[in-house]
Protein backbone atom coordinates (compact mmCIF):
# COMPACT_ATOMS: atom_id res chain seq x y z
CA MET A 1 19.95 -52.26 4.86
CA LYS A 2 16.80 -51.35 6.82
CA LYS A 3 18.53 -52.21 10.10
CA PHE A 4 21.51 -50.05 9.13
CA LEU A 5 19.27 -47.05 8.35
CA PHE A 6 17.34 -47.62 11.58
CA PHE A 7 20.56 -47.54 13.63
CA ILE A 8 21.81 -44.42 11.80
CA LEU A 9 18.52 -42.62 12.51
CA LEU A 10 18.55 -43.79 16.12
CA ALA A 11 22.14 -42.58 16.57
CA LEU A 12 21.25 -39.20 15.03
CA LEU A 13 18.24 -38.85 17.34
CA VAL A 14 20.35 -39.68 20.39
CA PHE A 15 23.02 -37.18 19.28
CA ILE A 16 20.53 -34.36 18.71
CA THR A 17 18.77 -35.08 22.03
CA ALA A 18 22.08 -35.20 23.91
CA CYS A 19 23.22 -32.04 22.17
CA GLU A 20 20.00 -30.24 23.10
CA HIS A 21 20.23 -31.30 26.73
CA SER A 22 23.91 -30.40 27.04
CA THR A 23 23.26 -26.88 25.74
CA VAL A 24 20.35 -26.28 28.07
CA ARG A 25 22.25 -27.48 31.13
CA SER A 26 25.75 -26.20 30.58
CA SER A 27 25.57 -23.52 27.85
CA THR A 28 28.15 -25.42 25.79
CA LYS A 29 28.00 -25.35 22.01
CA CYS A 30 26.87 -28.26 19.91
CA SER A 31 26.78 -28.76 16.16
CA VAL A 32 24.69 -30.75 13.72
CA TYR A 33 25.17 -31.29 9.97
CA ASP A 34 22.32 -31.67 7.50
CA LYS A 35 22.31 -34.03 4.49
CA ASP A 36 23.81 -31.35 2.21
CA GLY A 37 26.81 -30.66 4.45
CA TYR A 38 25.46 -27.48 6.03
CA LYS A 39 26.44 -27.05 9.66
CA TYR A 40 24.31 -25.68 12.51
CA ILE A 41 25.91 -24.56 15.77
CA CYS A 42 23.57 -24.00 18.69
CA LYS A 43 24.29 -20.75 20.55
CA ARG A 44 22.89 -18.99 23.59
CA ASP A 45 22.74 -15.26 24.26
CA GLY A 46 21.30 -14.84 27.75
CA ASP A 47 17.88 -16.52 27.60
CA PHE A 48 17.84 -16.36 23.80
CA TRP A 49 18.77 -19.45 21.73
CA TYR A 50 19.62 -19.51 18.01
CA TRP A 51 21.54 -21.59 15.46
CA GLU A 52 24.54 -20.30 13.51
CA TYR A 53 24.20 -21.65 9.96
CA TYR A 54 27.29 -22.44 7.84
CA GLY A 55 27.63 -23.60 4.23
CA PRO A 56 29.72 -26.59 3.09
CA ASN A 57 32.67 -24.17 2.65
CA ASN A 58 32.36 -23.34 6.40
CA LYS A 59 31.29 -19.76 5.60
CA LYS A 60 28.61 -18.40 7.94
CA ILE A 61 25.33 -17.75 6.12
CA ALA A 62 22.99 -16.49 8.88
CA ASN A 63 21.67 -17.02 12.39
CA ILE A 64 18.56 -19.21 12.26
CA LYS A 65 15.75 -18.89 14.79
CA TYR A 66 15.73 -21.65 17.42
CA PHE A 67 12.36 -23.42 17.16
CA ASP A 68 11.09 -26.63 18.75
CA ASN A 69 14.56 -27.75 19.94
CA GLY A 70 16.16 -27.26 16.53
CA PRO A 71 16.66 -24.80 13.68
CA ASP A 72 13.50 -23.14 12.38
CA TYR A 73 12.01 -25.15 9.52
CA TYR A 74 11.15 -23.96 6.03
CA SER A 75 7.57 -22.92 5.33
CA ASP A 76 6.77 -21.92 1.73
CA GLY A 77 10.52 -22.34 1.06
CA ILE A 78 11.42 -19.62 3.60
CA ARG A 79 12.48 -19.61 7.23
CA ARG A 80 13.23 -17.03 9.89
CA ILE A 81 16.62 -15.60 10.74
CA VAL A 82 17.64 -13.53 13.76
CA GLY A 83 20.08 -10.70 14.01
CA ARG A 84 21.15 -7.54 15.69
CA ILE A 85 19.86 -6.23 19.00
CA VAL A 86 18.03 -2.91 19.09
CA ASP A 87 16.60 -1.64 22.38
CA ARG A 88 17.60 -4.98 23.98
CA LYS A 89 15.44 -6.94 21.51
CA LYS A 90 16.52 -9.32 18.75
CA ARG A 91 15.44 -8.53 15.21
CA TYR A 92 13.98 -11.05 12.74
CA GLY A 93 14.07 -11.46 8.97
CA TYR A 94 13.80 -14.23 6.36
CA ILE A 95 16.03 -16.47 4.24
CA THR A 96 15.04 -18.76 1.35
CA ASN A 97 15.90 -22.44 0.97
CA LYS A 98 18.46 -21.28 -1.63
CA ASN A 99 20.22 -19.29 1.14
CA LYS A 100 19.17 -15.90 -0.20
CA ILE A 101 18.35 -13.40 2.53
CA ILE A 102 15.14 -11.74 1.34
CA LEU A 103 14.64 -9.59 4.46
CA LYS A 104 17.50 -8.65 6.76
CA PRO A 105 16.67 -8.87 10.47
CA THR A 106 14.57 -5.72 10.88
CA TYR A 107 11.43 -6.54 12.86
CA GLU A 108 10.91 -7.35 16.54
CA PHE A 109 9.32 -10.66 15.54
CA ALA A 110 8.44 -12.58 12.37
CA TRP A 111 5.99 -15.43 11.97
CA GLN A 112 6.52 -18.36 9.61
CA PHE A 113 5.40 -17.90 6.02
CA SER A 114 1.95 -19.12 4.98
CA ASN A 115 0.17 -18.74 1.62
CA GLY A 116 3.18 -16.84 0.25
CA TYR A 117 3.34 -14.20 3.02
CA GLY A 118 5.03 -13.66 6.38
CA ARG A 119 3.64 -11.58 9.22
CA VAL A 120 6.12 -9.17 10.85
CA CYS A 121 5.63 -7.30 14.12
CA LYS A 122 6.63 -4.29 16.16
CA ASP A 123 5.80 -3.27 19.74
CA VAL A 124 6.21 -6.93 20.76
CA THR A 125 6.01 -8.37 24.25
CA PHE A 126 7.00 -11.90 25.20
CA GLU A 127 5.28 -13.77 28.02
CA LYS A 128 6.97 -16.83 29.52
CA MET A 129 4.53 -19.73 29.91
CA GLY A 130 6.42 -22.66 31.39
CA GLU A 131 8.90 -23.90 28.79
CA HIS A 132 7.14 -21.91 26.04
CA THR A 133 6.92 -18.20 25.31
CA ALA A 134 3.80 -16.42 24.05
CA VAL A 135 4.38 -13.65 21.49
CA ASN A 136 2.10 -10.62 21.63
CA CYS A 137 2.45 -8.30 18.64
CA GLY A 138 1.40 -4.70 19.14
CA LYS A 139 1.25 -4.02 15.40
CA VAL A 140 1.46 -6.45 12.48
CA GLY A 141 2.39 -6.08 8.79
CA LEU A 142 2.84 -8.48 5.89
CA VAL A 143 5.82 -9.22 3.63
CA ASN A 144 5.90 -11.23 0.39
CA LYS A 145 8.45 -13.81 -0.80
CA GLN A 146 10.66 -11.03 -2.16
CA GLY A 147 10.86 -9.46 1.33
CA LYS A 148 8.76 -6.43 0.29
CA LEU A 149 6.23 -5.01 2.73
CA VAL A 150 2.79 -5.46 1.12
CA LEU A 151 0.76 -4.37 4.17
CA PRO A 152 2.24 -1.77 6.53
CA VAL A 153 2.99 -2.64 10.15
CA LYS A 154 -0.09 -0.91 11.57
CA TYR A 155 -2.72 -3.61 12.04
CA ASN A 156 -3.78 -5.30 15.28
CA SER A 157 -4.09 -8.60 13.41
CA ILE A 158 -3.75 -10.04 9.92
CA ASN A 159 -5.18 -13.32 8.72
CA VAL A 160 -4.08 -14.26 5.21
CA LYS A 161 -7.11 -15.89 3.57
CA ASP A 162 -5.41 -16.85 0.29
CA LYS A 163 -2.67 -15.52 -2.02
CA ASN A 164 -4.87 -12.56 -3.01
CA SER A 165 -6.56 -11.32 0.17
CA ALA A 166 -6.22 -10.95 3.92
CA GLU A 167 -8.55 -10.10 6.75
CA VAL A 168 -7.13 -7.21 8.82
CA THR A 169 -8.18 -5.69 12.12
CA ILE A 170 -7.59 -2.14 13.33
CA ARG A 171 -9.09 -1.15 16.68
CA GLU A 172 -11.59 -4.03 16.57
CA LYS A 173 -12.79 -3.12 13.06
CA LYS A 174 -12.34 -6.00 10.59
CA SER A 175 -12.06 -5.68 6.84
CA VAL A 176 -10.74 -7.66 3.87
CA VAL A 177 -7.90 -6.14 1.83
CA SER A 178 -6.39 -7.11 -1.52
CA LEU A 179 -2.79 -8.28 -1.59
CA ASN A 180 -2.31 -7.50 -5.30
């Protein structure tokens, strides 16, 4: 049984790796299924990669952010989705692990959730650094797990300390704010 599982995992790894390389080289589509029957189709829009996400009934749920050669992973039960283009920039939002969109793609960038909150950005610039891209947010805000903005998108930085407070910076002045 262990050998069988090993070979299944090895075959899956080879498939995903081959799929990733074929998309990068030839812009062809590839698809992967998860254990629950959900399908991911890798897509490319210019230099931008994302995963179309379909339910077991083959109905499209959302476009998932491409992250680390695969679909964005869940953090705090939430992951990032991508959507429409405004001013030649993609917009980001969030979806739960129950497939409920809590924030439609609205912001120029969204960071993964941590301590129950997600940082969202505007006035974003992207800087290519080899195979990676650095994200520079002009202004940052904070959303909760219901997709509601709890801190406006006006800060230079936000560091969530715990579920109740965050350290914020505006024009090099730091302060701690309540999240309740």
